[in-house]
Amino acid sequence: MSTQPPEAAQNPGRPSVQRYRWLLFDADGTLFDYERAEISALRSAFAQIGVTFDVGCLSTYQRINQDLWKALEKGLITPDKLKVRRFEQLFEALGVSHPAAPFAESYLQCLANCSDLVDGAHDVVSALKPKYRMAIVTNGLSAVQRPRLARSSIRDCMAEIIISEEIGCAKPAAEFFDAAFARIGQPLRSEVLLIGDNWSSDIQGAALYGIDACWYNPNRSPRPAAPPITSEITSLHELLPLL
């Protein structure tokens, strides 16, 4: 793996023959436009209970939600508890008197209806389909990810979708990748590339498991010192010349 700067790391000694057989894509923030879906789903769910949704609600929710997803990655909370706990904490912070559990279900239904893709995702995935097997590997929730994929224009490009909630562990745990590799037929680790936007769950998880990682970094965030990565892109279109 290369420790070169992003400009040089984008084509680290491209081999003369096809290197990868499998491309594993993260879902939210990599293929699916999660920020847009989140805002739309929250606005719809709040409207159902007659509460005004504003920017303050969004920032409070995002802080709470991010903290709980980090706890999930560390195995400190289960997906079922996360679904409800984030809205318990949100309603407490906002002073909203409403049961969290039914609201959580309404929110997930609204989120599952949002299948907007990140810019370039459809074109890039469609272009890669003739050459590679592809799968989605996500720490998302089954009630969201499966309906969303089924509604999306890339549904026929994905051979598998591996969801942490269904297998009982989340990225970056090795057990998650064990389950993913079992689902895709146990390819050599050298034949697999993971593409994801989350440094801790995607990039560190891939590095610890011994597979190559491409960091999708559209916001051009500073790259952490470790682990070294195979490549870094700011647009999904940049994948095509790399592969």
C-alpha atoms as a PDB file:
ATOM      1  CA  MET A   1       0.000   0.000   0.000  1.00  0.00           C
ATOM      2  CA  SER A   2       1.213   3.481  -0.831  1.00  0.00           C
ATOM      3  CA  THR A   3       1.884   6.349   1.543  1.00  0.00           C
ATOM      4  CA  GLN A   4       2.153   8.806  -1.314  1.00  0.00           C
ATOM      5  CA  PRO A   5       0.130  12.052  -1.311  1.00  0.00           C
ATOM      6  CA  PRO A   6      -3.372  11.906  -2.873  1.00  0.00           C
ATOM      7  CA  GLU A   7      -2.227  13.053  -6.313  1.00  0.00           C
ATOM      8  CA  ALA A   8       0.353  10.267  -6.594  1.00  0.00           C
ATOM      9  CA  ALA A   9      -1.670   7.658  -4.744  1.00  0.00           C
ATOM     10  CA  GLN A  10      -4.505   7.788  -7.265  1.00  0.00           C
ATOM     11  CA  ASN A  11      -2.637   5.435  -9.602  1.00  0.00           C
ATOM     12  CA  PRO A  12      -0.164   3.467  -7.484  1.00  0.00           C
ATOM     13  CA  GLY A  13       1.623   1.414 -10.106  1.00  0.00           C
ATOM     14  CA  ARG A  14      -1.396   0.332 -12.109  1.00  0.00           C
ATOM     15  CA  PRO A  15      -0.823  -3.333 -13.040  1.00  0.00           C
ATOM     16  CA  SER A  16      -0.874  -4.598 -16.609  1.00  0.00           C
ATOM     17  CA  VAL A  17      -3.633  -7.078 -15.810  1.00  0.00           C
ATOM     18  CA  GLN A  18      -6.844  -6.595 -13.877  1.00  0.00           C
ATOM     19  CA  ARG A  19      -5.987  -6.681 -10.192  1.00  0.00           C
ATOM     20  CA  TYR A  20      -9.377  -6.851  -8.485  1.00  0.00           C
ATOM     21  CA  ARG A  21     -12.291  -9.214  -8.879  1.00  0.00           C
ATOM     22  CA  TRP A  22     -14.542  -7.644  -6.245  1.00  0.00           C
ATOM     23  CA  LEU A  23     -15.368  -4.033  -5.417  1.00  0.00           C
ATOM     24  CA  LEU A  24     -17.021  -3.495  -2.034  1.00  0.00           C
ATOM     25  CA  PHE A  25     -18.853  -0.190  -1.713  1.00  0.00           C
ATOM     26  CA  ASP A  26     -20.012   1.467   1.459  1.00  0.00           C
ATOM     27  CA  ALA A  27     -23.615   2.679   1.145  1.00  0.00           C
ATOM     28  CA  ASP A  28     -24.374   5.934   2.973  1.00  0.00           C
ATOM     29  CA  GLY A  29     -22.212   8.823   1.869  1.00  0.00           C
ATOM     30  CA  THR A  30     -20.458   6.738  -0.781  1.00  0.00           C
ATOM     31  CA  LEU A  31     -23.199   5.526  -3.116  1.00  0.00           C
ATOM     32  CA  PHE A  32     -26.324   7.000  -1.530  1.00  0.00           C
ATOM     33  CA  ASP A  33     -26.753  10.706  -0.789  1.00  0.00           C
ATOM     34  CA  TYR A  34     -27.313  10.249   2.919  1.00  0.00           C
ATOM     35  CA  GLU A  35     -27.319  13.930   3.865  1.00  0.00           C
ATOM     36  CA  ARG A  36     -30.153  14.674   1.467  1.00  0.00           C
ATOM     37  CA  ALA A  37     -32.079  11.580   2.562  1.00  0.00           C
ATOM     38  CA  GLU A  38     -31.617  12.357   6.244  1.00  0.00           C
ATOM     39  CA  ILE A  39     -33.004  15.873   5.952  1.00  0.00           C
ATOM     40  CA  SER A  40     -35.959  14.736   3.844  1.00  0.00           C
ATOM     41  CA  ALA A  41     -36.815  11.866   6.195  1.00  0.00           C
ATOM     42  CA  LEU A  42     -36.539  13.973   9.348  1.00  0.00           C
ATOM     43  CA  ARG A  43     -38.692  16.713   7.861  1.00  0.00           C
ATOM     44  CA  SER A  44     -41.376  14.183   6.861  1.00  0.00           C
ATOM     45  CA  ALA A  45     -41.324  12.368  10.214  1.00  0.00           C
ATOM     46  CA  PHE A  46     -41.543  15.619  12.196  1.00  0.00           C
ATOM     47  CA  ALA A  47     -44.438  16.793  10.020  1.00  0.00           C
ATOM     48  CA  GLN A  48     -46.324  13.612  10.904  1.00  0.00           C
ATOM     49  CA  ILE A  49     -46.283  14.543  14.614  1.00  0.00           C
ATOM     50  CA  GLY A  50     -46.956  18.233  14.023  1.00  0.00           C
ATOM     51  CA  VAL A  51     -43.545  19.511  15.149  1.00  0.00           C
ATOM     52  CA  THR A  52     -41.608  22.111  13.172  1.00  0.00           C
ATOM     53  CA  PHE A  53     -38.273  20.840  11.884  1.00  0.00           C
ATOM     54  CA  ASP A  54     -35.487  23.397  11.559  1.00  0.00           C
ATOM     55  CA  VAL A  55     -31.725  23.666  11.225  1.00  0.00           C
ATOM     56  CA  GLY A  56     -31.298  23.527  15.002  1.00  0.00           C
ATOM     57  CA  CYS A  57     -33.131  20.194  15.122  1.00  0.00           C
ATOM     58  CA  LEU A  58     -30.882  18.841  12.382  1.00  0.00           C
ATOM     59  CA  SER A  59     -27.587  19.788  14.007  1.00  0.00           C
ATOM     60  CA  THR A  60     -28.692  18.383  17.364  1.00  0.00           C
ATOM     61  CA  TYR A  61     -29.839  15.157  15.755  1.00  0.00           C
ATOM     62  CA  GLN A  62     -26.644  14.758  13.728  1.00  0.00           C
ATOM     63  CA  ARG A  63     -24.466  15.153  16.816  1.00  0.00           C
ATOM     64  CA  ILE A  64     -26.483  12.584  18.755  1.00  0.00           C
ATOM     65  CA  ASN A  65     -26.703  10.189  15.823  1.00  0.00           C
ATOM     66  CA  GLN A  66     -22.982  10.324  15.034  1.00  0.00           C
ATOM     67  CA  ASP A  67     -22.061   9.600  18.636  1.00  0.00           C
ATOM     68  CA  LEU A  68     -24.368   6.585  18.742  1.00  0.00           C
ATOM     69  CA  TRP A  69     -23.055   5.186  15.427  1.00  0.00           C
ATOM     70  CA  LYS A  70     -19.519   5.460  16.784  1.00  0.00           C
ATOM     71  CA  ALA A  71     -20.701   3.498  19.812  1.00  0.00           C
ATOM     72  CA  LEU A  72     -22.185   0.894  17.458  1.00  0.00           C
ATOM     73  CA  GLU A  73     -18.838   0.513  15.667  1.00  0.00           C
ATOM     74  CA  LYS A  74     -17.261  -0.209  19.055  1.00  0.00           C
ATOM     75  CA  GLY A  75     -19.950  -2.722  19.981  1.00  0.00           C
ATOM     76  CA  LEU A  76     -21.298  -0.540  22.802  1.00  0.00           C
ATOM     77  CA  ILE A  77     -24.887  -0.402  21.547  1.00  0.00           C
ATOM     78  CA  THR A  78     -27.078  -2.623  19.388  1.00  0.00           C
ATOM     79  CA  PRO A  79     -28.845  -1.466  16.217  1.00  0.00           C
ATOM     80  CA  ASP A  80     -32.258  -1.963  17.828  1.00  0.00           C
ATOM     81  CA  LYS A  81     -31.338   0.289  20.745  1.00  0.00           C
ATOM     82  CA  LEU A  82     -29.713   2.857  18.474  1.00  0.00           C
ATOM     83  CA  LYS A  83     -32.875   3.208  16.368  1.00  0.00           C
ATOM     84  CA  VAL A  84     -34.861   4.468  19.354  1.00  0.00           C
ATOM     85  CA  ARG A  85     -32.204   5.926  21.653  1.00  0.00           C
ATOM     86  CA  ARG A  86     -31.226   8.661  19.187  1.00  0.00           C
ATOM     87  CA  PHE A  87     -34.768  10.018  19.219  1.00  0.00           C
ATOM     88  CA  GLU A  88     -35.103   9.663  22.973  1.00  0.00           C
ATOM     89  CA  GLN A  89     -32.047  11.880  23.308  1.00  0.00           C
ATOM     90  CA  LEU A  90     -33.226  14.238  20.567  1.00  0.00           C
ATOM     91  CA  PHE A  91     -36.684  14.760  22.050  1.00  0.00           C
ATOM     92  CA  GLU A  92     -35.147  15.306  25.476  1.00  0.00           C
ATOM     93  CA  ALA A  93     -32.800  17.943  24.027  1.00  0.00           C
ATOM     94  CA  LEU A  94     -35.610  19.668  22.111  1.00  0.00           C
ATOM     95  CA  GLY A  95     -38.221  19.440  24.849  1.00  0.00           C
ATOM     96  CA  VAL A  96     -40.550  17.422  22.623  1.00  0.00           C
ATOM     97  CA  SER A  97     -43.088  15.207  24.354  1.00  0.00           C
ATOM     98  CA  HIS A  98     -43.631  12.269  22.019  1.00  0.00           C
ATOM     99  CA  PRO A  99     -42.854   8.535  22.277  1.00  0.00           C
ATOM    100  CA  ALA A 100     -39.575   7.792  20.561  1.00  0.00           C
ATOM    101  CA  ALA A 101     -40.261   4.243  19.380  1.00  0.00           C
ATOM    102  CA  PRO A 102     -43.127   4.954  16.925  1.00  0.00           C
ATOM    103  CA  PHE A 103     -41.334   8.057  15.701  1.00  0.00           C
ATOM    104  CA  ALA A 104     -38.231   5.955  15.026  1.00  0.00           C
ATOM    105  CA  GLU A 105     -40.272   3.586  12.873  1.00  0.00           C
ATOM    106  CA  SER A 106     -41.818   6.463  10.933  1.00  0.00           C
ATOM    107  CA  TYR A 107     -38.390   7.956  10.350  1.00  0.00           C
ATOM    108  CA  LEU A 108     -36.990   4.677   9.023  1.00  0.00           C
ATOM    109  CA  GLN A 109     -39.922   4.318   6.634  1.00  0.00           C
ATOM    110  CA  CYS A 110     -39.317   7.836   5.334  1.00  0.00           C
ATOM    111  CA  LEU A 111     -35.582   7.189   5.022  1.00  0.00           C
ATOM    112  CA  ALA A 112     -36.129   3.939   3.136  1.00  0.00           C
ATOM    113  CA  ASN A 113     -38.071   5.877   0.501  1.00  0.00           C
ATOM    114  CA  CYS A 114     -35.049   8.079  -0.231  1.00  0.00           C
ATOM    115  CA  SER A 115     -32.864   6.372  -2.838  1.00  0.00           C
ATOM    116  CA  ASP A 116     -31.040   9.410  -4.254  1.00  0.00           C
ATOM    117  CA  LEU A 117     -27.508   8.560  -5.296  1.00  0.00           C
ATOM    118  CA  VAL A 118     -24.278  10.494  -4.872  1.00  0.00           C
ATOM    119  CA  ASP A 119     -23.279  12.377  -8.001  1.00  0.00           C
ATOM    120  CA  GLY A 120     -21.743   9.951 -10.477  1.00  0.00           C
ATOM    121  CA  ALA A 121     -22.729   6.776  -8.645  1.00  0.00           C
ATOM    122  CA  HIS A 122     -25.077   5.448 -11.323  1.00  0.00           C
ATOM    123  CA  ASP A 123     -22.734   6.107 -14.230  1.00  0.00           C
ATOM    124  CA  VAL A 124     -19.633   4.793 -12.464  1.00  0.00           C
ATOM    125  CA  VAL A 125     -21.222   1.639 -11.090  1.00  0.00           C
ATOM    126  CA  SER A 126     -22.848   0.893 -14.449  1.00  0.00           C
ATOM    127  CA  ALA A 127     -19.502   1.321 -16.211  1.00  0.00           C
ATOM    128  CA  LEU A 128     -17.776  -1.023 -13.747  1.00  0.00           C
ATOM    129  CA  LYS A 129     -20.406  -3.752 -13.892  1.00  0.00           C
ATOM    130  CA  PRO A 130     -19.023  -5.582 -16.989  1.00  0.00           C
ATOM    131  CA  LYS A 131     -15.581  -5.980 -15.407  1.00  0.00           C
ATOM    132  CA  TYR A 132     -16.136  -6.498 -11.683  1.00  0.00           C
ATOM    133  CA  ARG A 133     -18.379  -8.200  -9.163  1.00  0.00           C
ATOM    134  CA  MET A 134     -19.720  -5.606  -6.748  1.00  0.00           C
ATOM    135  CA  ALA A 135     -21.337  -5.643  -3.337  1.00  0.00           C
ATOM    136  CA  ILE A 136     -22.498  -3.157  -0.743  1.00  0.00           C
ATOM    137  CA  VAL A 137     -21.060  -3.431   2.766  1.00  0.00           C
ATOM    138  CA  THR A 138     -22.887  -1.226   5.233  1.00  0.00           C
ATOM    139  CA  ASN A 139     -23.368  -0.540   8.913  1.00  0.00           C
ATOM    140  CA  GLY A 140     -26.819   0.757   8.073  1.00  0.00           C
ATOM    141  CA  LEU A 141     -30.168  -0.742   9.050  1.00  0.00           C
ATOM    142  CA  SER A 142     -31.936  -3.467   7.084  1.00  0.00           C
ATOM    143  CA  ALA A 143     -35.262  -1.626   7.048  1.00  0.00           C
ATOM    144  CA  VAL A 144     -33.547   1.236   5.241  1.00  0.00           C
ATOM    145  CA  GLN A 145     -30.830  -0.319   3.108  1.00  0.00           C
ATOM    146  CA  ARG A 146     -32.741  -3.129   1.393  1.00  0.00           C
ATOM    147  CA  PRO A 147     -35.765  -1.049   0.281  1.00  0.00           C
ATOM    148  CA  ARG A 148     -33.467   1.808  -0.733  1.00  0.00           C
ATOM    149  CA  LEU A 149     -31.308  -0.445  -2.910  1.00  0.00           C
ATOM    150  CA  ALA A 150     -34.403  -2.083  -4.414  1.00  0.00           C
ATOM    151  CA  ARG A 151     -35.687   1.358  -5.482  1.00  0.00           C
ATOM    152  CA  SER A 152     -32.365   2.572  -6.834  1.00  0.00           C
ATOM    153  CA  SER A 153     -31.032   2.550 -10.386  1.00  0.00           C
ATOM    154  CA  ILE A 154     -27.993   0.467  -9.317  1.00  0.00           C
ATOM    155  CA  ARG A 155     -29.930  -2.452  -7.851  1.00  0.00           C
ATOM    156  CA  ASP A 156     -29.021  -4.810 -10.707  1.00  0.00           C
ATOM    157  CA  CYS A 157     -25.309  -3.964 -10.428  1.00  0.00           C
ATOM    158  CA  MET A 158     -24.885  -5.334  -6.909  1.00  0.00           C
ATOM    159  CA  ALA A 159     -24.371  -9.052  -6.389  1.00  0.00           C
ATOM    160  CA  GLU A 160     -24.724  -8.807  -2.614  1.00  0.00           C
ATOM    161  CA  ILE A 161     -25.605  -6.405   0.173  1.00  0.00           C
ATOM    162  CA  ILE A 162     -24.013  -7.181   3.532  1.00  0.00           C
ATOM    163  CA  ILE A 163     -25.657  -5.332   6.421  1.00  0.00           C
ATOM    164  CA  SER A 164     -24.177  -5.202   9.910  1.00  0.00           C
ATOM    165  CA  GLU A 165     -27.573  -5.462  11.620  1.00  0.00           C
ATOM    166  CA  GLU A 166     -28.227  -8.789   9.906  1.00  0.00           C
ATOM    167  CA  ILE A 167     -24.889 -10.396  10.763  1.00  0.00           C
ATOM    168  CA  GLY A 168     -24.586  -9.119  14.320  1.00  0.00           C
ATOM    169  CA  CYS A 169     -21.380  -7.067  14.033  1.00  0.00           C
ATOM    170  CA  ALA A 170     -20.307  -3.859  12.360  1.00  0.00           C
ATOM    171  CA  LYS A 171     -17.379  -2.483  10.398  1.00  0.00           C
ATOM    172  CA  PRO A 172     -14.507  -2.188  11.269  1.00  0.00           C
ATOM    173  CA  ALA A 173     -14.694  -5.527  13.121  1.00  0.00           C
ATOM    174  CA  ALA A 174     -12.932  -8.435  11.427  1.00  0.00           C
ATOM    175  CA  GLU A 175     -16.055 -10.529  12.007  1.00  0.00           C
ATOM    176  CA  PHE A 176     -17.990  -8.235   9.685  1.00  0.00           C
ATOM    177  CA  PHE A 177     -15.476  -8.772   6.911  1.00  0.00           C
ATOM    178  CA  ASP A 178     -15.400 -12.514   7.608  1.00  0.00           C
ATOM    179  CA  ALA A 179     -19.149 -12.588   6.987  1.00  0.00           C
ATOM    180  CA  ALA A 180     -18.821 -10.422   3.888  1.00  0.00           C
ATOM    181  CA  PHE A 181     -16.128 -12.638   2.382  1.00  0.00           C
ATOM    182  CA  ALA A 182     -18.219 -15.742   3.079  1.00  0.00           C
ATOM    183  CA  ARG A 183     -21.120 -14.138   1.188  1.00  0.00           C
ATOM    184  CA  ILE A 184     -18.998 -13.281  -1.856  1.00  0.00           C
ATOM    185  CA  GLY A 185     -17.335 -16.681  -2.136  1.00  0.00           C
ATOM    186  CA  GLN A 186     -14.051 -16.219  -0.231  1.00  0.00           C
ATOM    187  CA  PRO A 187     -11.948 -14.408  -2.848  1.00  0.00           C
ATOM    188  CA  LEU A 188      -8.296 -13.704  -2.170  1.00  0.00           C
ATOM    189  CA  ARG A 189      -7.921 -10.557  -0.109  1.00  0.00           C
ATOM    190  CA  SER A 190      -5.619  -9.167  -2.782  1.00  0.00           C
ATOM    191  CA  GLU A 191      -8.528  -9.400  -5.240  1.00  0.00           C
ATOM    192  CA  VAL A 192     -10.810  -7.100  -3.228  1.00  0.00           C
ATOM    193  CA  LEU A 193     -10.989  -3.301  -3.065  1.00  0.00           C
ATOM    194  CA  LEU A 194     -13.201  -1.454  -0.610  1.00  0.00           C
ATOM    195  CA  ILE A 195     -14.461   2.040  -1.502  1.00  0.00           C
ATOM    196  CA  GLY A 196     -15.850   4.083   1.368  1.00  0.00           C
ATOM    197  CA  ASP A 197     -16.095   7.547   2.879  1.00  0.00           C
ATOM    198  CA  ASN A 198     -15.813   6.709   6.574  1.00  0.00           C
ATOM    199  CA  TRP A 199     -12.221   6.582   7.775  1.00  0.00           C
ATOM    200  CA  SER A 200     -12.766   4.517  10.918  1.00  0.00           C
ATOM    201  CA  SER A 201     -15.275   1.931   9.705  1.00  0.00           C
ATOM    202  CA  ASP A 202     -14.309   1.646   6.028  1.00  0.00           C
ATOM    203  CA  ILE A 203     -10.654   2.540   5.629  1.00  0.00           C
ATOM    204  CA  GLN A 204      -9.279   1.350   8.953  1.00  0.00           C
ATOM    205  CA  GLY A 205     -11.507  -1.715   8.810  1.00  0.00           C
ATOM    206  CA  ALA A 206     -10.211  -2.665   5.371  1.00  0.00           C
ATOM    207  CA  ALA A 207      -6.591  -2.038   6.341  1.00  0.00           C
ATOM    208  CA  LEU A 208      -6.845  -4.144   9.479  1.00  0.00           C
ATOM    209  CA  TYR A 209      -8.417  -6.962   7.481  1.00  0.00           C
ATOM    210  CA  GLY A 210      -5.685  -6.821   4.853  1.00  0.00           C
ATOM    211  CA  ILE A 211      -7.640  -5.577   1.855  1.00  0.00           C
ATOM    212  CA  ASP A 212      -6.998  -2.519  -0.272  1.00  0.00           C
ATOM    213  CA  ALA A 213      -8.975   0.624   0.434  1.00  0.00           C
ATOM    214  CA  CYS A 214      -9.948   3.623  -1.663  1.00  0.00           C
ATOM    215  CA  TRP A 215     -10.993   6.587   0.454  1.00  0.00           C
ATOM    216  CA  TYR A 216     -13.860   8.543  -1.079  1.00  0.00           C
ATOM    217  CA  ASN A 217     -13.179  12.000   0.323  1.00  0.00           C
ATOM    218  CA  PRO A 218     -15.423  14.535  -1.452  1.00  0.00           C
ATOM    219  CA  ASN A 219     -14.952  17.125   1.295  1.00  0.00           C
ATOM    220  CA  ARG A 220     -11.160  16.918   0.982  1.00  0.00           C
ATOM    221  CA  SER A 221     -10.718  16.257   4.674  1.00  0.00           C
ATOM    222  CA  PRO A 222      -7.117  15.954   5.932  1.00  0.00           C
ATOM    223  CA  ARG A 223      -5.885  12.398   5.646  1.00  0.00           C
ATOM    224  CA  PRO A 224      -5.012  10.759   8.990  1.00  0.00           C
ATOM    225  CA  ALA A 225      -1.438   9.552   9.368  1.00  0.00           C
ATOM    226  CA  ALA A 226      -2.428   5.904   9.525  1.00  0.00           C
ATOM    227  CA  PRO A 227      -3.239   3.485   8.092  1.00  0.00           C
ATOM    228  CA  PRO A 228      -1.692   3.866   4.638  1.00  0.00           C
ATOM    229  CA  ILE A 229      -4.246   3.554   1.844  1.00  0.00           C
ATOM    230  CA  THR A 230      -4.208   2.395  -1.741  1.00  0.00           C
ATOM    231  CA  SER A 231      -5.890   5.446  -3.247  1.00  0.00           C
ATOM    232  CA  GLU A 232      -7.945   8.536  -2.482  1.00  0.00           C
ATOM    233  CA  ILE A 233     -10.617  10.140  -4.638  1.00  0.00           C
ATOM    234  CA  THR A 234     -12.811  13.206  -4.321  1.00  0.00           C
ATOM    235  CA  SER A 235     -15.292  12.124  -7.005  1.00  0.00           C
ATOM    236  CA  LEU A 236     -16.598   8.677  -7.867  1.00  0.00           C
ATOM    237  CA  HIS A 237     -15.727   9.376 -11.510  1.00  0.00           C
ATOM    238  CA  GLU A 238     -12.065   9.165 -10.478  1.00  0.00           C
ATOM    239  CA  LEU A 239     -12.511   5.433  -9.893  1.00  0.00           C
ATOM    240  CA  LEU A 240     -12.711   4.646 -13.585  1.00  0.00           C
ATOM    241  CA  PRO A 241      -9.133   5.571 -14.571  1.00  0.00           C
ATOM    242  CA  LEU A 242      -7.831   3.860 -11.421  1.00  0.00           C
ATOM    243  CA  LEU A 243      -9.423   0.534 -12.301  1.00  0.00           C
END
